[in-house]
Structure formats: structure tokens, C-alpha cells
PDB file of all heavy atoms in Angstrom:
ATOM      1  N   LEU A   1      -0.728 -12.918  -2.793  1.00  0.00           N
ATOM      2  CA  LEU A   1      -1.755 -12.044  -2.233  1.00  0.00           C
ATOM      3  C   LEU A   1      -1.663 -11.887  -0.720  1.00  0.00           C
ATOM      4  O   LEU A   1      -2.497 -11.210  -0.123  1.00  0.00           O
ATOM      5  CB  LEU A   1      -3.146 -12.581  -2.608  1.00  0.00           C
ATOM      6  CG  LEU A   1      -3.472 -12.617  -4.104  1.00  0.00           C
ATOM      7  CD1 LEU A   1      -4.833 -13.256  -4.347  1.00  0.00           C
ATOM      8  CD2 LEU A   1      -3.424 -11.208  -4.696  1.00  0.00           C
ATOM      9  N   ASP A   2      -0.671 -12.504  -0.097  1.00  0.00           N
ATOM     10  CA  ASP A   2      -0.504 -12.382   1.350  1.00  0.00           C
ATOM     11  C   ASP A   2      -0.409 -10.890   1.709  1.00  0.00           C
ATOM     12  O   ASP A   2       0.494 -10.188   1.223  1.00  0.00           O
ATOM     13  CB  ASP A   2       0.777 -13.114   1.770  1.00  0.00           C
ATOM     14  CG  ASP A   2       0.914 -13.205   3.283  1.00  0.00           C
ATOM     15  OD1 ASP A   2       0.764 -12.166   3.964  1.00  0.00           O
ATOM     16  OD2 ASP A   2       1.203 -14.308   3.785  1.00  0.00           O
ATOM     17  N   PRO A   3      -1.304 -10.371   2.550  1.00  0.00           N
ATOM     18  CA  PRO A   3      -1.315  -8.926   2.840  1.00  0.00           C
ATOM     19  C   PRO A   3      -0.028  -8.422   3.482  1.00  0.00           C
ATOM     20  O   PRO A   3       0.367  -7.271   3.274  1.00  0.00           O
ATOM     21  CB  PRO A   3      -2.512  -8.755   3.782  1.00  0.00           C
ATOM     22  CG  PRO A   3      -2.803 -10.112   4.312  1.00  0.00           C
ATOM     23  CD  PRO A   3      -2.402 -11.066   3.236  1.00  0.00           C
ATOM     24  N   ARG A   4       0.659  -9.256   4.253  1.00  0.00           N
ATOM     25  CA  ARG A   4       1.907  -8.827   4.878  1.00  0.00           C
ATOM     26  C   ARG A   4       2.989  -8.589   3.826  1.00  0.00           C
ATOM     27  O   ARG A   4       3.775  -7.644   3.918  1.00  0.00           O
ATOM     28  CB  ARG A   4       2.371  -9.887   5.877  1.00  0.00           C
ATOM     29  CG  ARG A   4       1.375 -10.177   6.999  1.00  0.00           C
ATOM     30  CD  ARG A   4       1.767 -11.437   7.748  1.00  0.00           C
ATOM     31  NE  ARG A   4       1.825 -12.585   6.840  1.00  0.00           N
ATOM     32  CZ  ARG A   4       2.350 -13.762   7.161  1.00  0.00           C
ATOM     33  NH1 ARG A   4       2.886 -13.936   8.380  1.00  0.00           N
ATOM     34  NH2 ARG A   4       2.364 -14.759   6.296  1.00  0.00           N
ATOM     35  N   ILE A   5       3.007  -9.450   2.824  1.00  0.00           N
ATOM     36  CA  ILE A   5       3.995  -9.304   1.747  1.00  0.00           C
ATOM     37  C   ILE A   5       3.655  -8.113   0.863  1.00  0.00           C
ATOM     38  O   ILE A   5       4.535  -7.345   0.448  1.00  0.00           O
ATOM     39  CB  ILE A   5       4.077 -10.609   0.933  1.00  0.00           C
ATOM     40  CG1 ILE A   5       4.618 -11.730   1.831  1.00  0.00           C
ATOM     41  CG2 ILE A   5       4.963 -10.433  -0.300  1.00  0.00           C
ATOM     42  CD1 ILE A   5       4.551 -13.100   1.230  1.00  0.00           C
ATOM     43  N   ARG A   6       2.388  -7.906   0.630  1.00  0.00           N
ATOM     44  CA  ARG A   6       1.971  -6.771  -0.191  1.00  0.00           C
ATOM     45  C   ARG A   6       2.286  -5.448   0.532  1.00  0.00           C
ATOM     46  O   ARG A   6       2.717  -4.474  -0.088  1.00  0.00           O
ATOM     47  CB  ARG A   6       0.496  -6.883  -0.542  1.00  0.00           C
ATOM     48  CG  ARG A   6       0.179  -8.124  -1.375  1.00  0.00           C
ATOM     49  CD  ARG A   6      -1.274  -8.173  -1.811  1.00  0.00           C
ATOM     50  NE  ARG A   6      -1.543  -7.159  -2.816  1.00  0.00           N
ATOM     51  CZ  ARG A   6      -1.265  -7.298  -4.108  1.00  0.00           C
ATOM     52  NH1 ARG A   6      -0.677  -8.395  -4.563  1.00  0.00           N
ATOM     53  NH2 ARG A   6      -1.561  -6.343  -4.969  1.00  0.00           N
ATOM     54  N   GLN A   7       2.076  -5.408   1.841  1.00  0.00           N
ATOM     55  CA  GLN A   7       2.427  -4.225   2.616  1.00  0.00           C
ATOM     56  C   GLN A   7       3.939  -3.980   2.584  1.00  0.00           C
ATOM     57  O   GLN A   7       4.390  -2.841   2.493  1.00  0.00           O
ATOM     58  CB  GLN A   7       1.961  -4.387   4.073  1.00  0.00           C
ATOM     59  CG  GLN A   7       0.449  -4.333   4.257  1.00  0.00           C
ATOM     60  CD  GLN A   7      -0.083  -2.906   4.164  1.00  0.00           C
ATOM     61  OE1 GLN A   7      -0.209  -2.348   3.071  1.00  0.00           O
ATOM     62  NE2 GLN A   7      -0.376  -2.310   5.295  1.00  0.00           N
ATOM     63  N   SER A   8       4.694  -5.059   2.643  1.00  0.00           N
ATOM     64  CA  SER A   8       6.151  -4.938   2.582  1.00  0.00           C
ATOM     65  C   SER A   8       6.593  -4.346   1.245  1.00  0.00           C
ATOM     66  O   SER A   8       7.483  -3.487   1.190  1.00  0.00           O
ATOM     67  CB  SER A   8       6.806  -6.310   2.777  1.00  0.00           C
ATOM     68  OG  SER A   8       6.486  -6.851   4.044  1.00  0.00           O
ATOM     69  N   LEU A   9       5.973  -4.792   0.161  1.00  0.00           N
ATOM     70  CA  LEU A   9       6.315  -4.283  -1.165  1.00  0.00           C
ATOM     71  C   LEU A   9       5.960  -2.809  -1.303  1.00  0.00           C
ATOM     72  O   LEU A   9       6.706  -2.027  -1.912  1.00  0.00           O
ATOM     73  CB  LEU A   9       5.605  -5.108  -2.238  1.00  0.00           C
ATOM     74  CG  LEU A   9       6.133  -6.537  -2.432  1.00  0.00           C
ATOM     75  CD1 LEU A   9       5.191  -7.339  -3.320  1.00  0.00           C
ATOM     76  CD2 LEU A   9       7.534  -6.512  -3.039  1.00  0.00           C
ATOM     77  N   ILE A  10       4.819  -2.426  -0.759  1.00  0.00           N
ATOM     78  CA  ILE A  10       4.421  -1.011  -0.805  1.00  0.00           C
ATOM     79  C   ILE A  10       5.431  -0.164  -0.047  1.00  0.00           C
ATOM     80  O   ILE A  10       5.827   0.923  -0.500  1.00  0.00           O
ATOM     81  CB  ILE A  10       3.004  -0.832  -0.218  1.00  0.00           C
ATOM     82  CG1 ILE A  10       1.959  -1.510  -1.125  1.00  0.00           C
ATOM     83  CG2 ILE A  10       2.665   0.645  -0.057  1.00  0.00           C
ATOM     84  CD1 ILE A  10       0.566  -1.550  -0.526  1.00  0.00           C
ATOM     85  N   PHE A  11       5.860  -0.666   1.102  1.00  0.00           N
ATOM     86  CA  PHE A  11       6.826   0.084   1.912  1.00  0.00           C
ATOM     87  C   PHE A  11       8.177   0.184   1.198  1.00  0.00           C
ATOM     88  O   PHE A  11       8.818   1.241   1.200  1.00  0.00           O
ATOM     89  CB  PHE A  11       6.992  -0.590   3.276  1.00  0.00           C
ATOM     90  CG  PHE A  11       7.699   0.256   4.290  1.00  0.00           C
ATOM     91  CD1 PHE A  11       7.084   1.384   4.822  1.00  0.00           C
ATOM     92  CD2 PHE A  11       8.985  -0.055   4.713  1.00  0.00           C
ATOM     93  CE1 PHE A  11       7.735   2.180   5.751  1.00  0.00           C
ATOM     94  CE2 PHE A  11       9.644   0.729   5.645  1.00  0.00           C
ATOM     95  CZ  PHE A  11       9.015   1.857   6.165  1.00  0.00           C
ATOM     96  N   LEU A  12       8.599  -0.901   0.565  1.00  0.00           N
ATOM     97  CA  LEU A  12       9.852  -0.872  -0.192  1.00  0.00           C
ATOM     98  C   LEU A  12       9.786   0.141  -1.330  1.00  0.00           C
ATOM     99  O   LEU A  12      10.733   0.905  -1.558  1.00  0.00           O
ATOM    100  CB  LEU A  12      10.153  -2.265  -0.756  1.00  0.00           C
ATOM    101  CG  LEU A  12      10.707  -3.313   0.206  1.00  0.00           C
ATOM    102  CD1 LEU A  12      10.793  -4.666  -0.486  1.00  0.00           C
ATOM    103  CD2 LEU A  12      12.083  -2.898   0.717  1.00  0.00           C
ATOM    104  N   ALA A  13       8.665   0.139  -2.065  1.00  0.00           N
ATOM    105  CA  ALA A  13       8.519   1.063  -3.190  1.00  0.00           C
ATOM    106  C   ALA A  13       8.508   2.511  -2.724  1.00  0.00           C
ATOM    107  O   ALA A  13       9.033   3.403  -3.399  1.00  0.00           O
ATOM    108  CB  ALA A  13       7.237   0.737  -3.961  1.00  0.00           C
ATOM    109  N   ALA A  14       7.916   2.745  -1.548  1.00  0.00           N
ATOM    110  CA  ALA A  14       7.784   4.119  -1.049  1.00  0.00           C
ATOM    111  C   ALA A  14       9.079   4.658  -0.450  1.00  0.00           C
ATOM    112  O   ALA A  14       9.254   5.881  -0.356  1.00  0.00           O
ATOM    113  CB  ALA A  14       6.667   4.186  -0.010  1.00  0.00           C
ATOM    114  N   THR A  15       9.998   3.767  -0.042  1.00  0.00           N
ATOM    115  CA  THR A  15      11.211   4.219   0.647  1.00  0.00           C
ATOM    116  C   THR A  15      12.493   4.052  -0.167  1.00  0.00           C
ATOM    117  O   THR A  15      13.533   4.568   0.229  1.00  0.00           O
ATOM    118  CB  THR A  15      11.397   3.442   1.966  1.00  0.00           C
ATOM    119  OG1 THR A  15      11.460   2.030   1.673  1.00  0.00           O
ATOM    120  CG2 THR A  15      10.252   3.714   2.925  1.00  0.00           C
ATOM    121  N   ARG A  16      12.444   3.370  -1.293  1.00  0.00           N
ATOM    122  CA  ARG A  16      13.687   3.035  -1.994  1.00  0.00           C
ATOM    123  C   ARG A  16      14.463   4.263  -2.475  1.00  0.00           C
ATOM    124  O   ARG A  16      15.676   4.193  -2.668  1.00  0.00           O
ATOM    125  CB  ARG A  16      13.391   2.109  -3.177  1.00  0.00           C
ATOM    126  CG  ARG A  16      12.457   2.671  -4.217  1.00  0.00           C
ATOM    127  CD  ARG A  16      12.153   1.636  -5.281  1.00  0.00           C
ATOM    128  NE  ARG A  16      11.030   2.041  -6.111  1.00  0.00           N
ATOM    129  CZ  ARG A  16      10.495   1.258  -7.051  1.00  0.00           C
ATOM    130  NH1 ARG A  16      10.996   0.046  -7.250  1.00  0.00           N
ATOM    131  NH2 ARG A  16       9.473   1.677  -7.765  1.00  0.00           N
ATOM    132  N   ALA A  17      13.764   5.384  -2.690  1.00  0.00           N
ATOM    133  CA  ALA A  17      14.443   6.572  -3.209  1.00  0.00           C
ATOM    134  C   ALA A  17      15.279   7.280  -2.149  1.00  0.00           C
ATOM    135  O   ALA A  17      16.220   8.007  -2.486  1.00  0.00           O
ATOM    136  CB  ALA A  17      13.414   7.548  -3.795  1.00  0.00           C
ATOM    137  N   PHE A  18      14.965   7.051  -0.854  1.00  0.00           N
ATOM    138  CA  PHE A  18      15.677   7.806   0.187  1.00  0.00           C
ATOM    139  C   PHE A  18      16.190   6.945   1.333  1.00  0.00           C
ATOM    140  O   PHE A  18      16.977   7.423   2.163  1.00  0.00           O
ATOM    141  CB  PHE A  18      14.762   8.903   0.764  1.00  0.00           C
ATOM    142  CG  PHE A  18      13.522   8.387   1.435  1.00  0.00           C
ATOM    143  CD1 PHE A  18      13.523   8.056   2.785  1.00  0.00           C
ATOM    144  CD2 PHE A  18      12.342   8.230   0.721  1.00  0.00           C
ATOM    145  CE1 PHE A  18      12.388   7.572   3.403  1.00  0.00           C
ATOM    146  CE2 PHE A  18      11.201   7.765   1.345  1.00  0.00           C
ATOM    147  CZ  PHE A  18      11.210   7.430   2.677  1.00  0.00           C
ATOM    148  N   PHE A  19      15.761   5.675   1.415  1.00  0.00           N
ATOM    149  CA  PHE A  19      16.213   4.827   2.519  1.00  0.00           C
ATOM    150  C   PHE A  19      16.352   3.388   2.020  1.00  0.00           C
ATOM    151  O   PHE A  19      15.354   2.695   1.816  1.00  0.00           O
ATOM    152  CB  PHE A  19      15.234   4.887   3.691  1.00  0.00           C
ATOM    153  CG  PHE A  19      15.691   4.105   4.901  1.00  0.00           C
ATOM    154  CD1 PHE A  19      16.707   4.594   5.706  1.00  0.00           C
ATOM    155  CD2 PHE A  19      15.117   2.885   5.202  1.00  0.00           C
ATOM    156  CE1 PHE A  19      17.138   3.875   6.810  1.00  0.00           C
ATOM    157  CE2 PHE A  19      15.540   2.153   6.308  1.00  0.00           C
ATOM    158  CZ  PHE A  19      16.556   2.657   7.115  1.00  0.00           C
ATOM    159  N   PRO A  20      17.567   2.909   1.806  1.00  0.00           N
ATOM    160  CA  PRO A  20      17.775   1.551   1.290  1.00  0.00           C
ATOM    161  C   PRO A  20      17.501   0.486   2.347  1.00  0.00           C
ATOM    162  O   PRO A  20      18.280   0.321   3.292  1.00  0.00           O
ATOM    163  CB  PRO A  20      19.247   1.548   0.872  1.00  0.00           C
ATOM    164  CG  PRO A  20      19.885   2.597   1.740  1.00  0.00           C
ATOM    165  CD  PRO A  20      18.835   3.643   1.978  1.00  0.00           C
ATOM    166  N   ILE A  21      16.394  -0.210   2.185  1.00  0.00           N
ATOM    167  CA  ILE A  21      16.031  -1.277   3.122  1.00  0.00           C
ATOM    168  C   ILE A  21      16.682  -2.582   2.671  1.00  0.00           C
ATOM    169  O   ILE A  21      16.629  -2.937   1.493  1.00  0.00           O
ATOM    170  CB  ILE A  21      14.503  -1.434   3.202  1.00  0.00           C
ATOM    171  CG1 ILE A  21      13.894  -0.189   3.874  1.00  0.00           C
ATOM    172  CG2 ILE A  21      14.112  -2.689   3.976  1.00  0.00           C
ATOM    173  CD1 ILE A  21      12.391  -0.197   3.919  1.00  0.00           C
ATOM    174  N   GLU A  22      17.271  -3.276   3.620  1.00  0.00           N
ATOM    175  CA  GLU A  22      17.944  -4.535   3.317  1.00  0.00           C
ATOM    176  C   GLU A  22      17.050  -5.744   3.586  1.00  0.00           C
ATOM    177  O   GLU A  22      17.144  -6.753   2.880  1.00  0.00           O
ATOM    178  CB  GLU A  22      19.226  -4.656   4.147  1.00  0.00           C
ATOM    179  CG  GLU A  22      20.222  -3.531   3.872  1.00  0.00           C
ATOM    180  CD  GLU A  22      21.322  -3.479   4.891  1.00  0.00           C
ATOM    181  OE1 GLU A  22      21.317  -4.331   5.822  1.00  0.00           O
ATOM    182  OE2 GLU A  22      22.199  -2.601   4.794  1.00  0.00           O
ATOM    183  N   ARG A  23      16.198  -5.608   4.599  1.00  0.00           N
ATOM    184  CA  ARG A  23      15.399  -6.773   4.992  1.00  0.00           C
ATOM    185  C   ARG A  23      14.111  -6.328   5.660  1.00  0.00           C
ATOM    186  O   ARG A  23      14.096  -5.340   6.408  1.00  0.00           O
ATOM    187  CB  ARG A  23      16.187  -7.666   5.952  1.00  0.00           C
ATOM    188  CG  ARG A  23      15.515  -8.981   6.333  1.00  0.00           C
ATOM    189  CD  ARG A  23      16.401  -9.749   7.326  1.00  0.00           C
ATOM    190  NE  ARG A  23      15.881 -11.072   7.611  1.00  0.00           N
ATOM    191  CZ  ARG A  23      14.944 -11.328   8.524  1.00  0.00           C
ATOM    192  NH1 ARG A  23      14.436 -10.322   9.254  1.00  0.00           N
ATOM    193  NH2 ARG A  23      14.521 -12.557   8.738  1.00  0.00           N
ATOM    194  N   ILE A  24      13.027  -7.057   5.375  1.00  0.00           N
ATOM    195  CA  ILE A  24      11.759  -6.855   6.082  1.00  0.00           C
ATOM    196  C   ILE A  24      11.307  -8.207   6.618  1.00  0.00           C
ATOM    197  O   ILE A  24      11.230  -9.196   5.875  1.00  0.00           O
ATOM    198  CB  ILE A  24      10.664  -6.265   5.166  1.00  0.00           C
ATOM    199  CG1 ILE A  24      11.043  -4.853   4.718  1.00  0.00           C
ATOM    200  CG2 ILE A  24       9.324  -6.223   5.895  1.00  0.00           C
ATOM    201  CD1 ILE A  24      10.010  -4.200   3.824  1.00  0.00           C
ATOM    202  N   GLY A  25      11.036  -8.242   7.911  1.00  0.00           N
ATOM    203  CA  GLY A  25      10.542  -9.470   8.533  1.00  0.00           C
ATOM    204  C   GLY A  25       9.395  -9.134   9.467  1.00  0.00           C
ATOM    205  O   GLY A  25       8.835  -8.035   9.433  1.00  0.00           O
ATOM    206  N   ILE A  26       9.033 -10.099  10.289  1.00  0.00           N
ATOM    207  CA  ILE A  26       7.941  -9.913  11.239  1.00  0.00           C
ATOM    208  C   ILE A  26       8.536  -9.583  12.605  1.00  0.00           C
ATOM    209  O   ILE A  26       9.396 -10.295  13.118  1.00  0.00           O
ATOM    210  CB  ILE A  26       7.061 -11.171  11.334  1.00  0.00           C
ATOM    211  CG1 ILE A  26       6.435 -11.479   9.969  1.00  0.00           C
ATOM    212  CG2 ILE A  26       5.975 -10.985  12.390  1.00  0.00           C
ATOM    213  CD1 ILE A  26       5.502 -10.394   9.456  1.00  0.00           C
ATOM    214  N   GLY A  27       8.081  -8.459  13.191  1.00  0.00           N
ATOM    215  CA  GLY A  27       8.544  -8.058  14.511  1.00  0.00           C
ATOM    216  C   GLY A  27       7.554  -8.466  15.587  1.00  0.00           C
ATOM    217  O   GLY A  27       6.715  -9.350  15.394  1.00  0.00           O
ATOM    218  N   GLU A  28       7.627  -7.796  16.721  1.00  0.00           N
ATOM    219  CA  GLU A  28       6.735  -8.109  17.832  1.00  0.00           C
ATOM    220  C   GLU A  28       5.298  -7.705  17.486  1.00  0.00           C
ATOM    221  O   GLU A  28       5.059  -6.707  16.797  1.00  0.00           O
ATOM    222  CB  GLU A  28       7.197  -7.375  19.087  1.00  0.00           C
ATOM    223  CG  GLU A  28       8.558  -7.831  19.596  1.00  0.00           C
ATOM    224  CD  GLU A  28       8.961  -7.092  20.859  1.00  0.00           C
ATOM    225  OE1 GLU A  28       8.142  -6.282  21.348  1.00  0.00           O
ATOM    226  OE2 GLU A  28      10.076  -7.331  21.357  1.00  0.00           O
ATOM    227  N   GLY A  29       4.364  -8.494  17.973  1.00  0.00           N
ATOM    228  CA  GLY A  29       2.951  -8.196  17.735  1.00  0.00           C
ATOM    229  C   GLY A  29       2.567  -8.274  16.275  1.00  0.00           C
ATOM    230  O   GLY A  29       1.648  -7.579  15.825  1.00  0.00           O
TER     231      GLY A  29
END
């Protein structure tokens, strides 16, 4: 239920058809 992980999953699902993401981590701020 970690919101950061859930946001990452939503972003992966929304972009997988047109932009292959290899990694999601924590950036600045």
C-alpha cells in the first residue's frame, strides 16, 4: 500500500504501450 509504489505502478501501466521504462526510483525532492 506504499503510495510511492502504487504511483509507480500506475505510471508503468500508463506508459508501457509507448515508452518502455526500465527503472523507477526516488529522485530529488
